């Protein structure tokens, strides 16, 4: 595993995602802000396992910690990558992430 800078904190609005290409991976970096203003960060493979749409273009369901594919509406758990709703049945890869200053850093294979 190697640590890679993915983006700046300011690149990702609260309760949204951005697509990032890093170290040969196409990723969605997701920022969820809870009711207390605390940020929680997730990194998930960006290509939907069903139809290869960009998850970063989908809706982030902050309360459920899920992201919805914009093409067919499949949702995935941000913490585990598990497919929640059809038509997707295969999980997405997820990666460890941390924030250091203004840098969002992912741990990638």
Protein backbone atom coordinates (compact mmCIF):
# COMPACT_ATOMS: atom_id res chain seq x y z
CA UNK A 1 0.00 0.00 0.00
CA UNK A 2 1.10 3.54 -0.68
CA UNK A 3 -0.24 6.87 0.46
CA UNK A 4 -1.26 9.28 -2.30
CA UNK A 5 -2.52 12.86 -2.09
CA UNK A 6 -5.93 12.78 -3.75
CA UNK A 7 -7.16 16.38 -3.51
CA UNK A 8 -7.61 19.34 -1.19
CA UNK A 9 -10.33 19.46 1.45
CA UNK A 10 -11.67 22.57 -0.29
CA UNK A 11 -12.11 20.60 -3.55
CA UNK A 12 -15.01 18.60 -2.06
CA UNK A 13 -18.18 20.34 -0.89
CA UNK A 14 -19.91 18.90 2.19
CA UNK A 15 -22.15 15.92 1.38
CA UNK A 16 -20.79 15.49 -2.12
CA UNK A 17 -18.14 13.64 -4.11
CA UNK A 18 -15.48 14.41 -6.69
CA UNK A 19 -13.79 12.13 -9.16
CA UNK A 20 -10.04 11.76 -8.78
CA UNK A 21 -7.61 9.79 -10.94
CA UNK A 22 -4.60 8.77 -8.85
CA UNK A 23 -1.93 6.08 -9.09
CA UNK A 24 -3.83 4.27 -11.85
CA UNK A 25 -7.15 4.30 -9.94
CA UNK A 26 -10.38 6.10 -10.81
CA UNK A 27 -11.85 7.10 -7.45
CA UNK A 28 -14.71 9.02 -5.89
CA UNK A 29 -13.61 11.05 -2.87
CA UNK A 30 -16.65 11.63 -0.67
CA UNK A 31 -17.11 14.15 2.12
CA UNK A 32 -19.99 13.66 4.55
CA UNK A 33 -20.62 16.40 7.11
CA UNK A 34 -22.74 15.40 10.10
CA UNK A 35 -25.10 17.60 12.10
CA UNK A 36 -22.28 18.67 14.44
CA UNK A 37 -20.20 19.93 11.51
CA UNK A 38 -17.70 17.06 11.67
CA UNK A 39 -16.42 15.78 8.34
CA UNK A 40 -16.17 12.08 7.50
CA UNK A 41 -14.18 11.08 4.42
CA UNK A 42 -14.54 8.06 2.16
CA UNK A 43 -12.77 6.84 -0.96
CA UNK A 44 -14.60 4.37 -3.18
CA UNK A 45 -13.98 3.09 -6.71
CA UNK A 46 -15.67 5.56 -9.05
CA UNK A 47 -16.91 3.17 -11.77
CA UNK A 48 -20.26 1.65 -10.82
CA UNK A 49 -19.92 -2.13 -10.75
CA UNK A 50 -23.13 -2.41 -12.77
CA UNK A 51 -22.75 -0.05 -15.71
CA UNK A 52 -19.50 1.88 -15.26
CA UNK A 53 -21.13 5.25 -14.58
CA UNK A 54 -19.20 7.73 -12.42
CA UNK A 55 -20.37 7.48 -8.82
CA UNK A 56 -18.89 10.93 -8.17
CA UNK A 57 -21.70 12.30 -10.35
CA UNK A 58 -24.34 10.62 -8.17
CA UNK A 59 -26.16 11.66 -5.03
CA UNK A 60 -24.49 11.32 -1.63
CA UNK A 61 -26.98 10.19 1.01
CA UNK A 62 -25.20 11.64 4.05
CA UNK A 63 -27.53 10.25 6.73
CA UNK A 64 -27.21 6.72 5.35
CA UNK A 65 -23.51 7.01 4.38
CA UNK A 66 -24.32 5.84 0.85
CA UNK A 67 -23.70 7.02 -2.69
CA UNK A 68 -26.15 6.52 -5.57
CA UNK A 69 -25.16 5.76 -9.14
CA UNK A 70 -26.55 8.45 -11.45
CA UNK A 71 -27.28 6.00 -14.28
CA UNK A 72 -29.54 3.31 -12.78
CA UNK A 73 -29.93 4.28 -9.11
CA UNK A 74 -27.89 1.55 -7.44
CA UNK A 75 -26.61 2.61 -4.04
CA UNK A 76 -23.41 1.58 -2.28
CA UNK A 77 -22.31 1.76 1.35
CA UNK A 78 -19.46 4.24 1.64
CA UNK A 79 -17.76 2.36 4.49
CA UNK A 80 -17.78 -1.13 2.94
CA UNK A 81 -18.53 -0.63 -0.77
CA UNK A 82 -21.40 -3.14 -0.51
CA UNK A 83 -24.11 -2.82 -3.16
CA UNK A 84 -27.37 -1.95 -1.39
CA UNK A 85 -29.86 -1.75 -4.25
CA UNK A 86 -30.23 -3.34 -7.67
CA UNK A 87 -29.30 -3.45 -10.45
CA UNK A 88 -25.74 -3.51 -9.01
CA UNK A 89 -24.86 -6.70 -7.15
CA UNK A 90 -21.06 -6.47 -6.89
CA UNK A 91 -19.32 -4.31 -4.27
CA UNK A 92 -17.08 -1.35 -4.96
CA UNK A 93 -13.52 -1.18 -3.68
CA UNK A 94 -13.02 1.16 -0.72
CA UNK A 95 -9.77 2.63 0.57
CA UNK A 96 -8.47 4.10 3.80
CA UNK A 97 -8.41 7.90 3.81
CA UNK A 98 -7.22 10.63 6.15
CA UNK A 99 -6.95 14.40 6.15
CA UNK A 100 -3.66 16.10 6.91
CA UNK A 101 -3.97 19.88 6.92
CA UNK A 102 -5.77 20.67 3.65
CA UNK A 103 -4.69 17.43 1.95
CA UNK A 104 -6.94 14.40 1.50
CA UNK A 105 -4.67 11.36 1.46
CA UNK A 106 -5.70 7.87 0.38
CA UNK A 107 -4.01 4.54 0.97
CA UNK A 108 -4.00 2.74 -2.38
CA UNK A 109 -2.69 -0.68 -3.41
